[in-house]
Amino acid sequence: MQMVLKNSEAFPFVYLQLIDVVGNKLFSRCFKLAIFKGQMIQQFMYEFESIYTTAQRTILDSKTLLDASNGYSL
């Protein structure tokens, strides 16, 4: 983990992969729960996709900021 934290190029993508793994597990669990409770699946899918997309966009934006700041020293 320390090696990843030192590498600013790989750091955001590690989180993106983590979101993929956690997102897939969360999705399958919530999907089963939604079916069990008889909720509207379409609404659930829309809300999950919205949250997932926002998280991905945030991580990619942070990578862009890291890339932009690599040329500047504080």
PDB file of N, CA and C in Angstrom:
ATOM      1  N   MET A   1       0.819  -1.195   0.000  1.00  0.00           N
ATOM      2  CA  MET A   1       0.000   0.000   0.000  1.00  0.00           C
ATOM      3  C   MET A   1       0.863   1.259   0.000  1.00  0.00           C
ATOM      4  N   GLN A   2       1.984   1.240   0.694  1.00  0.00           N
ATOM      5  CA  GLN A   2       2.845   2.414   0.724  1.00  0.00           C
ATOM      6  C   GLN A   2       3.428   2.711  -0.651  1.00  0.00           C
ATOM      7  N   MET A   3       3.725   1.670  -1.416  1.00  0.00           N
ATOM      8  CA  MET A   3       4.250   1.871  -2.764  1.00  0.00           C
ATOM      9  C   MET A   3       3.211   2.584  -3.625  1.00  0.00           C
ATOM     10  N   VAL A   4       1.965   2.210  -3.474  1.00  0.00           N
ATOM     11  CA  VAL A   4       0.897   2.824  -4.262  1.00  0.00           C
ATOM     12  C   VAL A   4       0.728   4.283  -3.875  1.00  0.00           C
ATOM     13  N   LEU A   5       0.795   4.577  -2.581  1.00  0.00           N
ATOM     14  CA  LEU A   5       0.617   5.946  -2.115  1.00  0.00           C
ATOM     15  C   LEU A   5       1.719   6.872  -2.630  1.00  0.00           C
ATOM     16  N   LYS A   6       2.922   6.338  -2.839  1.00  0.00           N
ATOM     17  CA  LYS A   6       4.021   7.152  -3.340  1.00  0.00           C
ATOM     18  C   LYS A   6       3.877   7.418  -4.838  1.00  0.00           C
ATOM     19  N   ASN A   7       3.190   6.567  -5.545  1.00  0.00           N
ATOM     20  CA  ASN A   7       3.053   6.699  -6.991  1.00  0.00           C
ATOM     21  C   ASN A   7       1.766   7.456  -7.304  1.00  0.00           C
ATOM     22  N   SER A   8       1.880   8.754  -7.549  1.00  0.00           N
ATOM     23  CA  SER A   8       0.690   9.575  -7.770  1.00  0.00           C
ATOM     24  C   SER A   8      -0.043   9.205  -9.054  1.00  0.00           C
ATOM     25  N   GLU A   9       0.641   8.546  -9.978  1.00  0.00           N
ATOM     26  CA  GLU A   9      -0.018   8.118 -11.211  1.00  0.00           C
ATOM     27  C   GLU A   9      -1.013   6.997 -10.943  1.00  0.00           C
ATOM     28  N   ALA A  10      -0.634   6.029 -10.124  1.00  0.00           N
ATOM     29  CA  ALA A  10      -1.470   4.848  -9.894  1.00  0.00           C
ATOM     30  C   ALA A  10      -2.496   5.060  -8.795  1.00  0.00           C
ATOM     31  N   PHE A  11      -2.267   6.018  -7.919  1.00  0.00           N
ATOM     32  CA  PHE A  11      -3.114   6.186  -6.735  1.00  0.00           C
ATOM     33  C   PHE A  11      -4.605   6.320  -7.046  1.00  0.00           C
ATOM     34  N   PRO A  12      -5.027   7.219  -7.947  1.00  0.00           N
ATOM     35  CA  PRO A  12      -6.473   7.323  -8.223  1.00  0.00           C
ATOM     36  C   PRO A  12      -7.052   6.051  -8.832  1.00  0.00           C
ATOM     37  N   PHE A  13      -6.267   5.361  -9.627  1.00  0.00           N
ATOM     38  CA  PHE A  13      -6.789   4.170 -10.287  1.00  0.00           C
ATOM     39  C   PHE A  13      -6.952   2.998  -9.330  1.00  0.00           C
ATOM     40  N   VAL A  14      -6.174   2.997  -8.259  1.00  0.00           N
ATOM     41  CA  VAL A  14      -6.371   1.982  -7.225  1.00  0.00           C
ATOM     42  C   VAL A  14      -7.748   2.170  -6.611  1.00  0.00           C
ATOM     43  N   TYR A  15      -8.109   3.422  -6.338  1.00  0.00           N
ATOM     44  CA  TYR A  15      -9.433   3.690  -5.793  1.00  0.00           C
ATOM     45  C   TYR A  15     -10.527   3.372  -6.806  1.00  0.00           C
ATOM     46  N   LEU A  16     -10.267   3.622  -8.075  1.00  0.00           N
ATOM     47  CA  LEU A  16     -11.249   3.306  -9.107  1.00  0.00           C
ATOM     48  C   LEU A  16     -11.493   1.802  -9.155  1.00  0.00           C
ATOM     49  N   GLN A  17     -10.445   1.021  -9.033  1.00  0.00           N
ATOM     50  CA  GLN A  17     -10.602  -0.432  -9.000  1.00  0.00           C
ATOM     51  C   GLN A  17     -11.333  -0.864  -7.737  1.00  0.00           C
ATOM     52  N   LEU A  18     -11.034  -0.205  -6.621  1.00  0.00           N
ATOM     53  CA  LEU A  18     -11.715  -0.519  -5.364  1.00  0.00           C
ATOM     54  C   LEU A  18     -13.209  -0.238  -5.489  1.00  0.00           C
ATOM     55  N   ILE A  19     -13.562   0.869  -6.130  1.00  0.00           N
ATOM     56  CA  ILE A  19     -14.976   1.190  -6.342  1.00  0.00           C
ATOM     57  C   ILE A  19     -15.627   0.132  -7.217  1.00  0.00           C
ATOM     58  N   ASP A  20     -14.909  -0.354  -8.229  1.00  0.00           N
ATOM     59  CA  ASP A  20     -15.455  -1.413  -9.081  1.00  0.00           C
ATOM     60  C   ASP A  20     -15.772  -2.657  -8.269  1.00  0.00           C
ATOM     61  N   VAL A  21     -14.829  -3.078  -7.431  1.00  0.00           N
ATOM     62  CA  VAL A  21     -15.021  -4.297  -6.639  1.00  0.00           C
ATOM     63  C   VAL A  21     -16.140  -4.117  -5.629  1.00  0.00           C
ATOM     64  N   VAL A  22     -16.060  -3.040  -4.850  1.00  0.00           N
ATOM     65  CA  VAL A  22     -17.082  -2.787  -3.829  1.00  0.00           C
ATOM     66  C   VAL A  22     -18.425  -2.525  -4.490  1.00  0.00           C
ATOM     67  N   GLY A  23     -18.403  -1.776  -5.587  1.00  0.00           N
ATOM     68  CA  GLY A  23     -19.638  -1.471  -6.297  1.00  0.00           C
ATOM     69  C   GLY A  23     -20.341  -2.713  -6.804  1.00  0.00           C
ATOM     70  N   ASN A  24     -19.572  -3.643  -7.347  1.00  0.00           N
ATOM     71  CA  ASN A  24     -20.174  -4.883  -7.841  1.00  0.00           C
ATOM     72  C   ASN A  24     -20.793  -5.690  -6.717  1.00  0.00           C
ATOM     73  N   LYS A  25     -20.104  -5.776  -5.582  1.00  0.00           N
ATOM     74  CA  LYS A  25     -20.646  -6.520  -4.441  1.00  0.00           C
ATOM     75  C   LYS A  25     -21.879  -5.823  -3.885  1.00  0.00           C
ATOM     76  N   LEU A  26     -21.792  -4.502  -3.748  1.00  0.00           N
ATOM     77  CA  LEU A  26     -22.925  -3.728  -3.240  1.00  0.00           C
ATOM     78  C   LEU A  26     -24.114  -3.848  -4.179  1.00  0.00           C
ATOM     79  N   PHE A  27     -23.837  -3.762  -5.482  1.00  0.00           N
ATOM     80  CA  PHE A  27     -24.905  -3.850  -6.465  1.00  0.00           C
ATOM     81  C   PHE A  27     -25.631  -5.183  -6.368  1.00  0.00           C
ATOM     82  N   SER A  28     -24.875  -6.285  -6.317  1.00  0.00           N
ATOM     83  CA  SER A  28     -25.529  -7.596  -6.282  1.00  0.00           C
ATOM     84  C   SER A  28     -26.331  -7.779  -5.000  1.00  0.00           C
ATOM     85  N   ARG A  29     -25.808  -7.295  -3.880  1.00  0.00           N
ATOM     86  CA  ARG A  29     -26.533  -7.402  -2.617  1.00  0.00           C
ATOM     87  C   ARG A  29     -27.821  -6.582  -2.633  1.00  0.00           C
ATOM     88  N   CYS A  30     -27.690  -5.335  -3.052  1.00  0.00           N
ATOM     89  CA  CYS A  30     -28.857  -4.446  -3.071  1.00  0.00           C
ATOM     90  C   CYS A  30     -29.880  -4.899  -4.100  1.00  0.00           C
ATOM     91  N   PHE A  31     -29.401  -5.434  -5.218  1.00  0.00           N
ATOM     92  CA  PHE A  31     -30.310  -5.908  -6.257  1.00  0.00           C
ATOM     93  C   PHE A  31     -31.151  -7.068  -5.729  1.00  0.00           C
ATOM     94  N   LYS A  32     -30.506  -7.997  -5.031  1.00  0.00           N
ATOM     95  CA  LYS A  32     -31.241  -9.120  -4.438  1.00  0.00           C
ATOM     96  C   LYS A  32     -32.240  -8.621  -3.403  1.00  0.00           C
ATOM     97  N   LEU A  33     -31.827  -7.653  -2.596  1.00  0.00           N
ATOM     98  CA  LEU A  33     -32.709  -7.087  -1.579  1.00  0.00           C
ATOM     99  C   LEU A  33     -33.892  -6.380  -2.234  1.00  0.00           C
ATOM    100  N   ALA A  34     -33.626  -5.656  -3.323  1.00  0.00           N
ATOM    101  CA  ALA A  34     -34.697  -4.944  -4.015  1.00  0.00           C
ATOM    102  C   ALA A  34     -35.719  -5.918  -4.592  1.00  0.00           C
ATOM    103  N   ILE A  35     -35.249  -7.015  -5.149  1.00  0.00           N
ATOM    104  CA  ILE A  35     -36.165  -8.029  -5.680  1.00  0.00           C
ATOM    105  C   ILE A  35     -36.975  -8.632  -4.541  1.00  0.00           C
ATOM    106  N   PHE A  36     -36.284  -8.925  -3.442  1.00  0.00           N
ATOM    107  CA  PHE A  36     -36.951  -9.546  -2.298  1.00  0.00           C
ATOM    108  C   PHE A  36     -38.049  -8.639  -1.743  1.00  0.00           C
ATOM    109  N   LYS A  37     -37.768  -7.369  -1.661  1.00  0.00           N
ATOM    110  CA  LYS A  37     -38.740  -6.439  -1.088  1.00  0.00           C
ATOM    111  C   LYS A  37     -39.763  -5.960  -2.119  1.00  0.00           C
ATOM    112  N   GLY A  38     -39.588  -6.311  -3.357  1.00  0.00           N
ATOM    113  CA  GLY A  38     -40.544  -5.937  -4.396  1.00  0.00           C
ATOM    114  C   GLY A  38     -40.497  -4.466  -4.777  1.00  0.00           C
ATOM    115  N   GLN A  39     -39.346  -3.833  -4.595  1.00  0.00           N
ATOM    116  CA  GLN A  39     -39.222  -2.414  -4.935  1.00  0.00           C
ATOM    117  C   GLN A  39     -39.064  -2.260  -6.445  1.00  0.00           C
ATOM    118  N   MET A  40     -39.127  -1.024  -6.886  1.00  0.00           N
ATOM    119  CA  MET A  40     -38.976  -0.754  -8.314  1.00  0.00           C
ATOM    120  C   MET A  40     -37.507  -0.896  -8.705  1.00  0.00           C
ATOM    121  N   ILE A  41     -37.208  -1.894  -9.496  1.00  0.00           N
ATOM    122  CA  ILE A  41     -35.829  -2.185  -9.890  1.00  0.00           C
ATOM    123  C   ILE A  41     -35.264  -1.067 -10.770  1.00  0.00           C
ATOM    124  N   GLN A  42     -36.074  -0.525 -11.630  1.00  0.00           N
ATOM    125  CA  GLN A  42     -35.596   0.511 -12.534  1.00  0.00           C
ATOM    126  C   GLN A  42     -35.110   1.732 -11.754  1.00  0.00           C
ATOM    127  N   GLN A  43     -35.834   2.139 -10.731  1.00  0.00           N
ATOM    128  CA  GLN A  43     -35.436   3.285  -9.912  1.00  0.00           C
ATOM    129  C   GLN A  43     -34.132   2.981  -9.172  1.00  0.00           C
ATOM    130  N   PHE A  44     -34.026   1.770  -8.641  1.00  0.00           N
ATOM    131  CA  PHE A  44     -32.798   1.368  -7.949  1.00  0.00           C
ATOM    132  C   PHE A  44     -31.600   1.428  -8.895  1.00  0.00           C
ATOM    133  N   MET A  45     -31.760   0.903 -10.105  1.00  0.00           N
ATOM    134  CA  MET A  45     -30.670   0.884 -11.082  1.00  0.00           C
ATOM    135  C   MET A  45     -30.232   2.311 -11.411  1.00  0.00           C
ATOM    136  N   TYR A  46     -31.195   3.211 -11.584  1.00  0.00           N
ATOM    137  CA  TYR A  46     -30.874   4.598 -11.906  1.00  0.00           C
ATOM    138  C   TYR A  46     -30.083   5.242 -10.769  1.00  0.00           C
ATOM    139  N   GLU A  47     -30.531   5.067  -9.532  1.00  0.00           N
ATOM    140  CA  GLU A  47     -29.856   5.683  -8.392  1.00  0.00           C
ATOM    141  C   GLU A  47     -28.456   5.108  -8.199  1.00  0.00           C
ATOM    142  N   PHE A  48     -28.310   3.805  -8.335  1.00  0.00           N
ATOM    143  CA  PHE A  48     -26.996   3.179  -8.176  1.00  0.00           C
ATOM    144  C   PHE A  48     -26.034   3.678  -9.249  1.00  0.00           C
ATOM    145  N   GLU A  49     -26.499   3.729 -10.490  1.00  0.00           N
ATOM    146  CA  GLU A  49     -25.649   4.184 -11.586  1.00  0.00           C
ATOM    147  C   GLU A  49     -25.215   5.629 -11.367  1.00  0.00           C
ATOM    148  N   SER A  50     -26.110   6.448 -10.859  1.00  0.00           N
ATOM    149  CA  SER A  50     -25.799   7.845 -10.590  1.00  0.00           C
ATOM    150  C   SER A  50     -24.699   7.975  -9.535  1.00  0.00           C
ATOM    151  N   ILE A  51     -24.816   7.234  -8.450  1.00  0.00           N
ATOM    152  CA  ILE A  51     -23.805   7.273  -7.388  1.00  0.00           C
ATOM    153  C   ILE A  51     -22.472   6.740  -7.893  1.00  0.00           C
ATOM    154  N   TYR A  52     -22.510   5.641  -8.611  1.00  0.00           N
ATOM    155  CA  TYR A  52     -21.303   4.994  -9.130  1.00  0.00           C
ATOM    156  C   TYR A  52     -20.577   5.913 -10.113  1.00  0.00           C
ATOM    157  N   THR A  53     -21.327   6.539 -11.012  1.00  0.00           N
ATOM    158  CA  THR A  53     -20.741   7.435 -12.005  1.00  0.00           C
ATOM    159  C   THR A  53     -20.116   8.651 -11.335  1.00  0.00           C
ATOM    160  N   THR A  54     -20.785   9.196 -10.333  1.00  0.00           N
ATOM    161  CA  THR A  54     -20.252  10.349  -9.614  1.00  0.00           C
ATOM    162  C   THR A  54     -18.940  10.000  -8.923  1.00  0.00           C
ATOM    163  N   ALA A  55     -18.869   8.829  -8.324  1.00  0.00           N
ATOM    164  CA  ALA A  55     -17.636   8.400  -7.654  1.00  0.00           C
ATOM    165  C   ALA A  55     -16.504   8.235  -8.662  1.00  0.00           C
ATOM    166  N   GLN A  56     -16.791   7.628  -9.802  1.00  0.00           N
ATOM    167  CA  GLN A  56     -15.763   7.462 -10.834  1.00  0.00           C
ATOM    168  C   GLN A  56     -15.278   8.819 -11.337  1.00  0.00           C
ATOM    169  N   ARG A  57     -16.205   9.742 -11.572  1.00  0.00           N
ATOM    170  CA  ARG A  57     -15.847  11.065 -12.081  1.00  0.00           C
ATOM    171  C   ARG A  57     -14.966  11.806 -11.073  1.00  0.00           C
ATOM    172  N   THR A  58     -15.281  11.683  -9.794  1.00  0.00           N
ATOM    173  CA  THR A  58     -14.496  12.337  -8.752  1.00  0.00           C
ATOM    174  C   THR A  58     -13.066  11.823  -8.742  1.00  0.00           C
ATOM    175  N   ILE A  59     -12.902  10.528  -8.883  1.00  0.00           N
ATOM    176  CA  ILE A  59     -11.559   9.943  -8.882  1.00  0.00           C
ATOM    177  C   ILE A  59     -10.786  10.349 -10.128  1.00  0.00           C
ATOM    178  N   LEU A  60     -11.434  10.346 -11.270  1.00  0.00           N
ATOM    179  CA  LEU A  60     -10.743  10.755 -12.494  1.00  0.00           C
ATOM    180  C   LEU A  60     -10.380  12.233 -12.444  1.00  0.00           C
ATOM    181  N   ASP A  61     -11.235  13.067 -11.845  1.00  0.00           N
ATOM    182  CA  ASP A  61     -10.914  14.482 -11.671  1.00  0.00           C
ATOM    183  C   ASP A  61      -9.702  14.653 -10.766  1.00  0.00           C
ATOM    184  N   SER A  62      -9.612  13.831  -9.718  1.00  0.00           N
ATOM    185  CA  SER A  62      -8.461  13.929  -8.820  1.00  0.00           C
ATOM    186  C   SER A  62      -7.184  13.518  -9.538  1.00  0.00           C
ATOM    187  N   LYS A  63      -7.276  12.549 -10.458  1.00  0.00           N
ATOM    188  CA  LYS A  63      -6.097  12.165 -11.231  1.00  0.00           C
ATOM    189  C   LYS A  63      -5.675  13.309 -12.146  1.00  0.00           C
ATOM    190  N   THR A  64      -6.634  13.995 -12.733  1.00  0.00           N
ATOM    191  CA  THR A  64      -6.323  15.138 -13.585  1.00  0.00           C
ATOM    192  C   THR A  64      -5.611  16.219 -12.788  1.00  0.00           C
ATOM    193  N   LEU A  65      -6.098  16.476 -11.572  1.00  0.00           N
ATOM    194  CA  LEU A  65      -5.450  17.473 -10.717  1.00  0.00           C
ATOM    195  C   LEU A  65      -4.035  17.041 -10.338  1.00  0.00           C
ATOM    196  N   LEU A  66      -3.857  15.762 -10.047  1.00  0.00           N
ATOM    197  CA  LEU A  66      -2.514  15.263  -9.724  1.00  0.00           C
ATOM    198  C   LEU A  66      -1.582  15.404 -10.920  1.00  0.00           C
ATOM    199  N   ASP A  67      -2.075  15.065 -12.104  1.00  0.00           N
ATOM    200  CA  ASP A  67      -1.256  15.188 -13.312  1.00  0.00           C
ATOM    201  C   ASP A  67      -0.868  16.643 -13.553  1.00  0.00           C
ATOM    202  N   ALA A  68      -1.816  17.551 -13.343  1.00  0.00           N
ATOM    203  CA  ALA A  68      -1.553  18.972 -13.564  1.00  0.00           C
ATOM    204  C   ALA A  68      -0.557  19.515 -12.542  1.00  0.00           C
ATOM    205  N   SER A  69      -0.617  18.992 -11.324  1.00  0.00           N
ATOM    206  CA  SER A  69       0.269  19.512 -10.277  1.00  0.00           C
ATOM    207  C   SER A  69       1.657  18.881 -10.305  1.00  0.00           C
ATOM    208  N   ASN A  70       1.859  17.836 -11.108  1.00  0.00           N
ATOM    209  CA  ASN A  70       3.176  17.191 -11.165  1.00  0.00           C
ATOM    210  C   ASN A  70       4.253  18.136 -11.690  1.00  0.00           C
ATOM    211  N   GLY A  71       3.882  19.101 -12.499  1.00  0.00           N
ATOM    212  CA  GLY A  71       4.849  20.049 -13.041  1.00  0.00           C
ATOM    213  C   GLY A  71       5.143  21.207 -12.112  1.00  0.00           C
ATOM    214  N   TYR A  72       4.419  21.338 -11.035  1.00  0.00           N
ATOM    215  CA  TYR A  72       4.581  22.462 -10.116  1.00  0.00           C
ATOM    216  C   TYR A  72       5.055  21.968  -8.759  1.00  0.00           C
ATOM    217  N   SER A  73       5.922  22.749  -8.130  1.00  0.00           N
ATOM    218  CA  SER A  73       6.347  22.396  -6.769  1.00  0.00           C
ATOM    219  C   SER A  73       5.747  23.397  -5.793  1.00  0.00           C
ATOM    220  N   LEU A  74       5.350  22.899  -4.651  1.00  0.00           N
ATOM    221  CA  LEU A  74       4.744  23.770  -3.633  1.00  0.00           C
ATOM    222  C   LEU A  74       5.795  24.330  -2.708  1.00  0.00           C
TER     223      LEU A  74
END
